[in-house]
Amino acid sequence: MRRVTASGRHSGPLLGQYIADLAVPSARLVIEVDGPYHAARAAADARRDRELGRRGWRVLRLPAELVAKDVAEAVARVRSALGG
């Protein structure tokens, strides 16, 4: 789900000042895959999610462990968020 440039930096869809793991503009949906380090970033992530919400975006956060171990469930959550 992530692209990494030759420099090793993450490169994803840009939403103003934010970089998203995946964005679906037609649905105004941002999908973030959160690894274990996100526990330490909970407050910052919440602020970011609120700001994106003010801009009309919904944010779906999926634990990286879920994506790695149960792709079908991760896909089901994305489909549900997309209204399908």
Protein backbone atom coordinates (compact mmCIF):
# COMPACT_ATOMS: atom_id res chain seq x y z
CA MET A 1 0.00 0.00 0.00
CA ARG A 2 2.96 2.32 0.41
CA ARG A 3 5.38 3.53 -2.17
CA VAL A 4 8.95 4.18 -1.17
CA THR A 5 11.20 6.38 -3.26
CA ALA A 6 14.86 5.62 -3.94
CA SER A 7 15.74 7.82 -0.97
CA GLY A 8 13.65 5.55 1.27
CA ARG A 9 11.06 8.20 2.01
CA HIS A 10 7.36 7.44 1.95
CA SER A 11 5.54 8.91 -1.01
CA GLY A 12 1.75 8.79 -0.96
CA PRO A 13 -1.20 10.93 -2.01
CA LEU A 14 -0.94 14.52 -0.79
CA LEU A 15 -3.85 16.21 0.97
CA GLY A 16 -2.69 19.73 1.54
CA GLN A 17 0.09 19.43 4.09
CA TYR A 18 -0.67 15.77 4.80
CA ILE A 19 0.59 12.61 3.13
CA ALA A 20 -1.84 9.70 3.16
CA ASP A 21 -1.10 6.02 2.73
CA LEU A 22 -4.03 5.87 0.32
CA ALA A 23 -6.70 8.37 -0.69
CA VAL A 24 -9.90 7.79 -2.64
CA PRO A 25 -10.83 11.31 -3.76
CA SER A 26 -14.17 10.29 -5.30
CA ALA A 27 -15.27 8.99 -1.88
CA ARG A 28 -13.35 11.62 0.13
CA LEU A 29 -11.80 8.70 2.03
CA VAL A 30 -8.29 8.47 3.47
CA ILE A 31 -7.03 5.01 4.38
CA GLU A 32 -4.15 4.81 6.83
CA VAL A 33 -2.32 1.62 7.77
CA ASP A 34 -1.02 2.12 11.30
CA GLY A 35 1.99 0.23 12.57
CA PRO A 36 2.96 -0.16 16.24
CA TYR A 37 4.61 3.29 16.33
CA HIS A 38 1.19 4.93 15.95
CA ALA A 39 0.37 4.22 19.60
CA ALA A 40 2.87 6.94 20.50
CA ARG A 41 1.31 9.25 17.90
CA ALA A 42 -2.33 8.88 18.94
CA ALA A 43 -2.85 12.54 19.84
CA ALA A 44 -1.16 13.79 16.66
CA ASP A 45 -3.13 11.32 14.54
CA ALA A 46 -6.38 12.46 16.19
CA ARG A 47 -5.59 16.11 15.39
CA ARG A 48 -4.76 15.19 11.81
CA ASP A 49 -7.98 13.17 11.46
CA ARG A 50 -10.03 16.11 12.80
CA GLU A 51 -8.37 18.50 10.36
CA LEU A 52 -9.01 16.15 7.45
CA GLY A 53 -12.62 15.84 8.66
CA ARG A 54 -12.98 19.62 8.59
CA ARG A 55 -11.78 19.46 4.98
CA GLY A 56 -14.48 16.92 4.15
CA TRP A 57 -12.44 13.73 4.30
CA ARG A 58 -13.23 10.58 6.30
CA VAL A 59 -10.30 8.61 7.71
CA LEU A 60 -10.24 4.83 7.99
CA ARG A 61 -7.39 3.52 10.13
CA LEU A 62 -6.39 -0.10 9.75
CA PRO A 63 -3.86 -1.78 12.04
CA ALA A 64 -0.86 -3.00 10.02
CA GLU A 65 -1.15 -6.35 11.77
CA LEU A 66 -4.70 -6.77 10.42
CA VAL A 67 -3.57 -5.95 6.88
CA ALA A 68 -0.71 -8.46 7.18
CA LYS A 69 -2.69 -11.28 8.78
CA ASP A 70 -6.26 -10.88 7.53
CA VAL A 71 -6.36 -9.16 4.16
CA ALA A 72 -9.98 -10.24 3.61
CA GLU A 73 -11.08 -8.38 6.75
CA ALA A 74 -9.04 -5.31 5.80
CA VAL A 75 -10.65 -5.29 2.35
CA ALA A 76 -14.10 -5.74 3.92
CA ARG A 77 -13.53 -2.68 6.11
CA VAL A 78 -12.44 -0.61 3.12
CA ARG A 79 -15.47 -1.76 1.13
CA SER A 80 -17.73 -0.91 4.04
CA ALA A 81 -16.20 2.56 4.31
CA LEU A 82 -16.78 3.01 0.59
CA GLY A 83 -20.43 2.08 1.08
CA GLY A 84 -20.23 -1.32 -0.56
